[in-house]
């Protein structure tokens, strides 16, 4: 199982109080990066409504998720349609 690495996360855009983040998954599976708590290492920086673009270099796919809940314990995300 792959874990969150802060060095693979960066700000792509900030506008009107919301941040779009970029995360390079580097070997982490889709299920891992979309699981509740994967982004707990960013709980002090992300807020509800922020968007995270996840690059899966192995597959060439990009997944976009939104921060759905951040209770300062667990960061919970939901896939954007």
PDB file of N, CA and C in Angstrom:
ATOM      1  N   UNK A   1       0.845  -1.188   0.000  1.00  0.00           N
ATOM      2  CA  UNK A   1       0.000   0.000   0.000  1.00  0.00           C
ATOM      3  C   UNK A   1       0.886   1.246   0.000  1.00  0.00           C
ATOM      4  N   UNK A   2       0.550   2.166  -0.855  1.00  0.00           N
ATOM      5  CA  UNK A   2       1.286   3.413  -0.956  1.00  0.00           C
ATOM      6  C   UNK A   2       0.698   4.429   0.019  1.00  0.00           C
ATOM      7  N   UNK A   3       1.544   5.313   0.524  1.00  0.00           N
ATOM      8  CA  UNK A   3       1.055   6.333   1.453  1.00  0.00           C
ATOM      9  C   UNK A   3       1.235   7.722   0.841  1.00  0.00           C
ATOM     10  N   UNK A   4       0.504   8.679   1.389  1.00  0.00           N
ATOM     11  CA  UNK A   4       0.578  10.064   0.942  1.00  0.00           C
ATOM     12  C   UNK A   4       1.984  10.611   1.183  1.00  0.00           C
ATOM     13  N   UNK A   5       2.505  11.335   0.197  1.00  0.00           N
ATOM     14  CA  UNK A   5       3.808  11.983   0.321  1.00  0.00           C
ATOM     15  C   UNK A   5       3.640  13.465   0.004  1.00  0.00           C
ATOM     16  N   UNK A   6       3.924  14.303   0.978  1.00  0.00           N
ATOM     17  CA  UNK A   6       3.734  15.744   0.841  1.00  0.00           C
ATOM     18  C   UNK A   6       4.534  16.306  -0.336  1.00  0.00           C
ATOM     19  N   UNK A   7       5.692  15.730  -0.624  1.00  0.00           N
ATOM     20  CA  UNK A   7       6.532  16.244  -1.720  1.00  0.00           C
ATOM     21  C   UNK A   7       5.901  16.031  -3.092  1.00  0.00           C
ATOM     22  N   UNK A   8       4.878  15.171  -3.179  1.00  0.00           N
ATOM     23  CA  UNK A   8       4.199  14.913  -4.446  1.00  0.00           C
ATOM     24  C   UNK A   8       2.940  15.766  -4.623  1.00  0.00           C
ATOM     25  N   UNK A   9       2.718  16.713  -3.706  1.00  0.00           N
ATOM     26  CA  UNK A   9       1.521  17.562  -3.725  1.00  0.00           C
ATOM     27  C   UNK A   9       1.932  19.010  -3.951  1.00  0.00           C
ATOM     28  N   UNK A  10       1.173  19.722  -4.765  1.00  0.00           N
ATOM     29  CA  UNK A  10       1.475  21.129  -5.000  1.00  0.00           C
ATOM     30  C   UNK A  10       0.226  21.897  -5.385  1.00  0.00           C
ATOM     31  N   UNK A  11       0.290  23.213  -5.280  1.00  0.00           N
ATOM     32  CA  UNK A  11      -0.821  24.075  -5.653  1.00  0.00           C
ATOM     33  C   UNK A  11      -0.788  24.304  -7.157  1.00  0.00           C
ATOM     34  N   UNK A  12      -1.895  24.010  -7.816  1.00  0.00           N
ATOM     35  CA  UNK A  12      -2.008  24.272  -9.251  1.00  0.00           C
ATOM     36  C   UNK A  12      -2.655  25.629  -9.496  1.00  0.00           C
ATOM     37  N   UNK A  13      -3.615  26.013  -8.619  1.00  0.00           N
ATOM     38  CA  UNK A  13      -4.345  27.259  -8.813  1.00  0.00           C
ATOM     39  C   UNK A  13      -5.026  27.641  -7.508  1.00  0.00           C
ATOM     40  N   UNK A  14      -5.121  28.946  -7.273  1.00  0.00           N
ATOM     41  CA  UNK A  14      -5.870  29.452  -6.126  1.00  0.00           C
ATOM     42  C   UNK A  14      -6.715  30.612  -6.606  1.00  0.00           C
ATOM     43  N   UNK A  15      -8.022  30.553  -6.332  1.00  0.00           N
ATOM     44  CA  UNK A  15      -8.906  31.616  -6.780  1.00  0.00           C
ATOM     45  C   UNK A  15     -10.162  31.646  -5.922  1.00  0.00           C
ATOM     46  N   UNK A  16     -10.556  32.806  -5.491  1.00  0.00           N
ATOM     47  CA  UNK A  16     -11.816  33.037  -4.788  1.00  0.00           C
ATOM     48  C   UNK A  16     -11.982  32.141  -3.547  1.00  0.00           C
ATOM     49  N   UNK A  17     -10.878  31.894  -2.856  1.00  0.00           N
ATOM     50  CA  UNK A  17     -10.937  31.143  -1.613  1.00  0.00           C
ATOM     51  C   UNK A  17     -10.836  29.637  -1.751  1.00  0.00           C
ATOM     52  N   UNK A  18     -10.699  29.130  -2.972  1.00  0.00           N
ATOM     53  CA  UNK A  18     -10.577  27.692  -3.178  1.00  0.00           C
ATOM     54  C   UNK A  18      -9.255  27.385  -3.864  1.00  0.00           C
ATOM     55  N   UNK A  19      -8.717  26.222  -3.574  1.00  0.00           N
ATOM     56  CA  UNK A  19      -7.436  25.815  -4.142  1.00  0.00           C
ATOM     57  C   UNK A  19      -7.614  24.580  -5.009  1.00  0.00           C
ATOM     58  N   UNK A  20      -6.955  24.570  -6.138  1.00  0.00           N
ATOM     59  CA  UNK A  20      -6.842  23.366  -6.962  1.00  0.00           C
ATOM     60  C   UNK A  20      -5.442  22.829  -6.732  1.00  0.00           C
ATOM     61  N   UNK A  21      -5.380  21.610  -6.244  1.00  0.00           N
ATOM     62  CA  UNK A  21      -4.119  20.951  -5.926  1.00  0.00           C
ATOM     63  C   UNK A  21      -3.768  19.961  -7.017  1.00  0.00           C
ATOM     64  N   UNK A  22      -2.486  19.650  -7.128  1.00  0.00           N
ATOM     65  CA  UNK A  22      -2.002  18.625  -8.036  1.00  0.00           C
ATOM     66  C   UNK A  22      -1.278  17.579  -7.199  1.00  0.00           C
ATOM     67  N   UNK A  23      -1.598  16.306  -7.411  1.00  0.00           N
ATOM     68  CA  UNK A  23      -0.914  15.233  -6.698  1.00  0.00           C
ATOM     69  C   UNK A  23      -0.412  14.200  -7.696  1.00  0.00           C
ATOM     70  N   UNK A  24       0.881  13.890  -7.621  1.00  0.00           N
ATOM     71  CA  UNK A  24       1.503  12.876  -8.465  1.00  0.00           C
ATOM     72  C   UNK A  24       1.432  11.550  -7.716  1.00  0.00           C
ATOM     73  N   UNK A  25       0.568  10.647  -8.166  1.00  0.00           N
ATOM     74  CA  UNK A  25       0.288   9.414  -7.435  1.00  0.00           C
ATOM     75  C   UNK A  25       1.483   8.460  -7.353  1.00  0.00           C
ATOM     76  N   UNK A  26       2.401   8.481  -8.278  1.00  0.00           N
ATOM     77  CA  UNK A  26       3.638   7.680  -8.241  1.00  0.00           C
ATOM     78  C   UNK A  26       3.457   6.283  -7.661  1.00  0.00           C
ATOM     79  N   UNK A  27       2.707   5.461  -8.332  1.00  0.00           N
ATOM     80  CA  UNK A  27       2.573   4.079  -7.908  1.00  0.00           C
ATOM     81  C   UNK A  27       1.387   3.786  -7.008  1.00  0.00           C
ATOM     82  N   UNK A  28       0.761   4.810  -6.448  1.00  0.00           N
ATOM     83  CA  UNK A  28      -0.433   4.586  -5.629  1.00  0.00           C
ATOM     84  C   UNK A  28      -1.600   4.241  -6.549  1.00  0.00           C
ATOM     85  N   UNK A  29      -2.430   3.325  -6.131  1.00  0.00           N
ATOM     86  CA  UNK A  29      -3.577   2.936  -6.952  1.00  0.00           C
ATOM     87  C   UNK A  29      -4.701   3.952  -6.815  1.00  0.00           C
ATOM     88  N   UNK A  30      -5.637   3.880  -7.737  1.00  0.00           N
ATOM     89  CA  UNK A  30      -6.826   4.740  -7.683  1.00  0.00           C
ATOM     90  C   UNK A  30      -7.554   4.556  -6.352  1.00  0.00           C
ATOM     91  N   UNK A  31      -7.743   3.305  -5.937  1.00  0.00           N
ATOM     92  CA  UNK A  31      -8.452   3.028  -4.678  1.00  0.00           C
ATOM     93  C   UNK A  31      -7.732   3.627  -3.481  1.00  0.00           C
ATOM     94  N   UNK A  32      -6.405   3.620  -3.508  1.00  0.00           N
ATOM     95  CA  UNK A  32      -5.642   4.192  -2.394  1.00  0.00           C
ATOM     96  C   UNK A  32      -5.823   5.702  -2.315  1.00  0.00           C
ATOM     97  N   UNK A  33      -5.645   6.397  -3.441  1.00  0.00           N
ATOM     98  CA  UNK A  33      -5.689   7.867  -3.394  1.00  0.00           C
ATOM     99  C   UNK A  33      -7.105   8.417  -3.203  1.00  0.00           C
ATOM    100  N   UNK A  34      -8.113   7.605  -3.467  1.00  0.00           N
ATOM    101  CA  UNK A  34      -9.487   8.074  -3.262  1.00  0.00           C
ATOM    102  C   UNK A  34     -10.084   7.545  -1.955  1.00  0.00           C
ATOM    103  N   UNK A  35      -9.287   6.852  -1.166  1.00  0.00           N
ATOM    104  CA  UNK A  35      -9.805   6.329   0.104  1.00  0.00           C
ATOM    105  C   UNK A  35      -9.836   7.428   1.171  1.00  0.00           C
ATOM    106  N   UNK A  36     -10.801   7.311   2.081  1.00  0.00           N
ATOM    107  CA  UNK A  36     -10.924   8.274   3.181  1.00  0.00           C
ATOM    108  C   UNK A  36      -9.632   8.270   3.986  1.00  0.00           C
ATOM    109  N   UNK A  37      -9.115   9.440   4.230  1.00  0.00           N
ATOM    110  CA  UNK A  37      -7.922   9.574   5.055  1.00  0.00           C
ATOM    111  C   UNK A  37      -6.603   9.578   4.304  1.00  0.00           C
ATOM    112  N   UNK A  38      -6.607   9.273   2.990  1.00  0.00           N
ATOM    113  CA  UNK A  38      -5.340   9.254   2.254  1.00  0.00           C
ATOM    114  C   UNK A  38      -4.638  10.605   2.342  1.00  0.00           C
ATOM    115  N   UNK A  39      -5.385  11.693   2.269  1.00  0.00           N
ATOM    116  CA  UNK A  39      -4.797  13.034   2.288  1.00  0.00           C
ATOM    117  C   UNK A  39      -4.760  13.653   3.694  1.00  0.00           C
ATOM    118  N   UNK A  40      -4.795  12.831   4.728  1.00  0.00           N
ATOM    119  CA  UNK A  40      -4.736  13.347   6.098  1.00  0.00           C
ATOM    120  C   UNK A  40      -3.475  14.158   6.366  1.00  0.00           C
ATOM    121  N   UNK A  41      -2.409  13.879   5.629  1.00  0.00           N
ATOM    122  CA  UNK A  41      -1.181  14.653   5.783  1.00  0.00           C
ATOM    123  C   UNK A  41      -1.341  16.111   5.369  1.00  0.00           C
ATOM    124  N   UNK A  42      -2.460  16.427   4.716  1.00  0.00           N
ATOM    125  CA  UNK A  42      -2.751  17.795   4.274  1.00  0.00           C
ATOM    126  C   UNK A  42      -3.929  18.397   5.036  1.00  0.00           C
ATOM    127  N   UNK A  43      -4.361  17.744   6.107  1.00  0.00           N
ATOM    128  CA  UNK A  43      -5.596  18.180   6.776  1.00  0.00           C
ATOM    129  C   UNK A  43      -5.555  19.621   7.260  1.00  0.00           C
ATOM    130  N   UNK A  44      -4.358  20.155   7.518  1.00  0.00           N
ATOM    131  CA  UNK A  44      -4.252  21.550   7.952  1.00  0.00           C
ATOM    132  C   UNK A  44      -4.213  22.528   6.785  1.00  0.00           C
ATOM    133  N   UNK A  45      -4.162  22.012   5.549  1.00  0.00           N
ATOM    134  CA  UNK A  45      -4.024  22.877   4.386  1.00  0.00           C
ATOM    135  C   UNK A  45      -5.205  22.832   3.425  1.00  0.00           C
ATOM    136  N   UNK A  46      -5.899  21.698   3.339  1.00  0.00           N
ATOM    137  CA  UNK A  46      -7.033  21.596   2.417  1.00  0.00           C
ATOM    138  C   UNK A  46      -8.329  21.909   3.132  1.00  0.00           C
ATOM    139  N   UNK A  47      -9.297  22.400   2.367  1.00  0.00           N
ATOM    140  CA  UNK A  47     -10.605  22.684   2.971  1.00  0.00           C
ATOM    141  C   UNK A  47     -11.706  22.156   2.054  1.00  0.00           C
ATOM    142  N   UNK A  48     -12.885  22.037   2.610  1.00  0.00           N
ATOM    143  CA  UNK A  48     -14.036  21.549   1.854  1.00  0.00           C
ATOM    144  C   UNK A  48     -14.229  22.418   0.621  1.00  0.00           C
ATOM    145  N   UNK A  49     -14.387  21.782  -0.522  1.00  0.00           N
ATOM    146  CA  UNK A  49     -14.552  22.486  -1.785  1.00  0.00           C
ATOM    147  C   UNK A  49     -13.287  22.549  -2.619  1.00  0.00           C
ATOM    148  N   UNK A  50     -12.126  22.324  -1.998  1.00  0.00           N
ATOM    149  CA  UNK A  50     -10.888  22.278  -2.772  1.00  0.00           C
ATOM    150  C   UNK A  50     -10.932  21.096  -3.726  1.00  0.00           C
ATOM    151  N   UNK A  51     -10.241  21.232  -4.844  1.00  0.00           N
ATOM    152  CA  UNK A  51     -10.178  20.177  -5.854  1.00  0.00           C
ATOM    153  C   UNK A  51      -8.743  19.645  -5.907  1.00  0.00           C
ATOM    154  N   UNK A  52      -8.615  18.327  -6.032  1.00  0.00           N
ATOM    155  CA  UNK A  52      -7.305  17.694  -6.155  1.00  0.00           C
ATOM    156  C   UNK A  52      -7.267  16.946  -7.487  1.00  0.00           C
ATOM    157  N   UNK A  53      -6.327  17.336  -8.350  1.00  0.00           N
ATOM    158  CA  UNK A  53      -6.094  16.614  -9.600  1.00  0.00           C
ATOM    159  C   UNK A  53      -5.014  15.572  -9.317  1.00  0.00           C
ATOM    160  N   UNK A  54      -5.325  14.317  -9.589  1.00  0.00           N
ATOM    161  CA  UNK A  54      -4.388  13.230  -9.305  1.00  0.00           C
ATOM    162  C   UNK A  54      -3.883  12.671 -10.620  1.00  0.00           C
ATOM    163  N   UNK A  55      -2.577  12.708 -10.801  1.00  0.00           N
ATOM    164  CA  UNK A  55      -1.955  12.171 -12.010  1.00  0.00           C
ATOM    165  C   UNK A  55      -1.465  10.762 -11.726  1.00  0.00           C
ATOM    166  N   UNK A  56      -1.922   9.826 -12.541  1.00  0.00           N
ATOM    167  CA  UNK A  56      -1.473   8.440 -12.457  1.00  0.00           C
ATOM    168  C   UNK A  56      -0.499   8.228 -13.612  1.00  0.00           C
ATOM    169  N   UNK A  57       0.774   8.404 -13.342  1.00  0.00           N
ATOM    170  CA  UNK A  57       1.771   8.362 -14.406  1.00  0.00           C
ATOM    171  C   UNK A  57       1.836   7.007 -15.107  1.00  0.00           C
ATOM    172  N   UNK A  58       1.588   5.941 -14.362  1.00  0.00           N
ATOM    173  CA  UNK A  58       1.676   4.606 -14.945  1.00  0.00           C
ATOM    174  C   UNK A  58       0.605   4.389 -16.023  1.00  0.00           C
ATOM    175  N   UNK A  59      -0.567   4.958 -15.830  1.00  0.00           N
ATOM    176  CA  UNK A  59      -1.673   4.742 -16.762  1.00  0.00           C
ATOM    177  C   UNK A  59      -1.911   5.937 -17.684  1.00  0.00           C
ATOM    178  N   UNK A  60      -1.360   7.090 -17.335  1.00  0.00           N
ATOM    179  CA  UNK A  60      -1.578   8.288 -18.128  1.00  0.00           C
ATOM    180  C   UNK A  60      -2.911   8.964 -17.855  1.00  0.00           C
ATOM    181  N   UNK A  61      -3.624   8.516 -16.847  1.00  0.00           N
ATOM    182  CA  UNK A  61      -4.935   9.083 -16.513  1.00  0.00           C
ATOM    183  C   UNK A  61      -4.819  10.153 -15.423  1.00  0.00           C
ATOM    184  N   UNK A  62      -5.762  11.070 -15.443  1.00  0.00           N
ATOM    185  CA  UNK A  62      -5.883  12.074 -14.390  1.00  0.00           C
ATOM    186  C   UNK A  62      -7.265  11.955 -13.777  1.00  0.00           C
ATOM    187  N   UNK A  63      -7.306  11.914 -12.470  1.00  0.00           N
ATOM    188  CA  UNK A  63      -8.560  11.834 -11.725  1.00  0.00           C
ATOM    189  C   UNK A  63      -8.737  13.138 -10.967  1.00  0.00           C
ATOM    190  N   UNK A  64      -9.959  13.661 -10.949  1.00  0.00           N
ATOM    191  CA  UNK A  64     -10.239  14.866 -10.178  1.00  0.00           C
ATOM    192  C   UNK A  64     -11.186  14.509  -9.045  1.00  0.00           C
ATOM    193  N   UNK A  65     -10.793  14.906  -7.829  1.00  0.00           N
ATOM    194  CA  UNK A  65     -11.627  14.679  -6.663  1.00  0.00           C
ATOM    195  C   UNK A  65     -11.803  15.997  -5.931  1.00  0.00           C
ATOM    196  N   UNK A  66     -12.813  16.053  -5.095  1.00  0.00           N
ATOM    197  CA  UNK A  66     -13.072  17.247  -4.293  1.00  0.00           C
ATOM    198  C   UNK A  66     -13.033  16.876  -2.823  1.00  0.00           C
ATOM    199  N   UNK A  67     -12.566  17.801  -2.004  1.00  0.00           N
ATOM    200  CA  UNK A  67     -12.580  17.575  -0.559  1.00  0.00           C
ATOM    201  C   UNK A  67     -14.025  17.735  -0.098  1.00  0.00           C
ATOM    202  N   UNK A  68     -14.578  16.653   0.389  1.00  0.00           N
ATOM    203  CA  UNK A  68     -15.979  16.586   0.798  1.00  0.00           C
ATOM    204  C   UNK A  68     -16.145  16.901   2.284  1.00  0.00           C
ATOM    205  N   UNK A  69     -15.174  16.485   3.085  1.00  0.00           N
ATOM    206  CA  UNK A  69     -15.226  16.706   4.532  1.00  0.00           C
ATOM    207  C   UNK A  69     -13.800  16.774   5.062  1.00  0.00           C
ATOM    208  N   UNK A  70     -13.560  17.686   5.969  1.00  0.00           N
ATOM    209  CA  UNK A  70     -12.281  17.782   6.659  1.00  0.00           C
ATOM    210  C   UNK A  70     -12.582  18.192   8.086  1.00  0.00           C
ATOM    211  N   UNK A  71     -12.634  17.187   8.960  1.00  0.00           N
ATOM    212  CA  UNK A  71     -12.960  17.450  10.359  1.00  0.00           C
ATOM    213  C   UNK A  71     -11.711  17.577  11.227  1.00  0.00           C
ATOM    214  N   UNK A  72     -10.570  17.863  10.594  1.00  0.00           N
ATOM    215  CA  UNK A  72      -9.262  17.984  11.235  1.00  0.00           C
ATOM    216  C   UNK A  72      -8.739  16.655  11.757  1.00  0.00           C
ATOM    217  N   UNK A  73      -9.449  15.576  11.487  1.00  0.00           N
ATOM    218  CA  UNK A  73      -8.975  14.228  11.806  1.00  0.00           C
ATOM    219  C   UNK A  73      -8.812  13.443  10.512  1.00  0.00           C
ATOM    220  N   UNK A  74      -9.854  13.434   9.698  1.00  0.00           N
ATOM    221  CA  UNK A  74      -9.837  12.727   8.419  1.00  0.00           C
ATOM    222  C   UNK A  74     -10.256  13.656   7.291  1.00  0.00           C
ATOM    223  N   UNK A  75      -9.502  13.591   6.198  1.00  0.00           N
ATOM    224  CA  UNK A  75      -9.877  14.276   4.975  1.00  0.00           C
ATOM    225  C   UNK A  75     -10.609  13.258   4.113  1.00  0.00           C
ATOM    226  N   UNK A  76     -11.868  13.554   3.777  1.00  0.00           N
ATOM    227  CA  UNK A  76     -12.686  12.665   2.971  1.00  0.00           C
ATOM    228  C   UNK A  76     -12.945  13.342   1.634  1.00  0.00           C
ATOM    229  N   UNK A  77     -12.719  12.589   0.565  1.00  0.00           N
ATOM    230  CA  UNK A  77     -12.865  13.145  -0.776  1.00  0.00           C
ATOM    231  C   UNK A  77     -13.956  12.418  -1.536  1.00  0.00           C
ATOM    232  N   UNK A  78     -14.404  13.036  -2.627  1.00  0.00           N
ATOM    233  CA  UNK A  78     -15.405  12.425  -3.510  1.00  0.00           C
ATOM    234  C   UNK A  78     -14.973  12.702  -4.945  1.00  0.00           C
ATOM    235  N   UNK A  79     -15.155  11.735  -5.816  1.00  0.00           N
ATOM    236  CA  UNK A  79     -14.793  11.894  -7.220  1.00  0.00           C
ATOM    237  C   UNK A  79     -15.718  12.901  -7.887  1.00  0.00           C
ATOM    238  N   UNK A  80     -15.125  13.767  -8.689  1.00  0.00           N
ATOM    239  CA  UNK A  80     -15.920  14.710  -9.471  1.00  0.00           C
ATOM    240  C   UNK A  80     -16.409  14.024 -10.737  1.00  0.00           C
ATOM    241  N   UNK A  81     -17.623  14.301 -11.119  1.00  0.00           N
ATOM    242  CA  UNK A  81     -18.166  13.680 -12.336  1.00  0.00           C
ATOM    243  C   UNK A  81     -17.751  14.439 -13.564  1.00  0.00           C
TER     244      UNK A  81
END
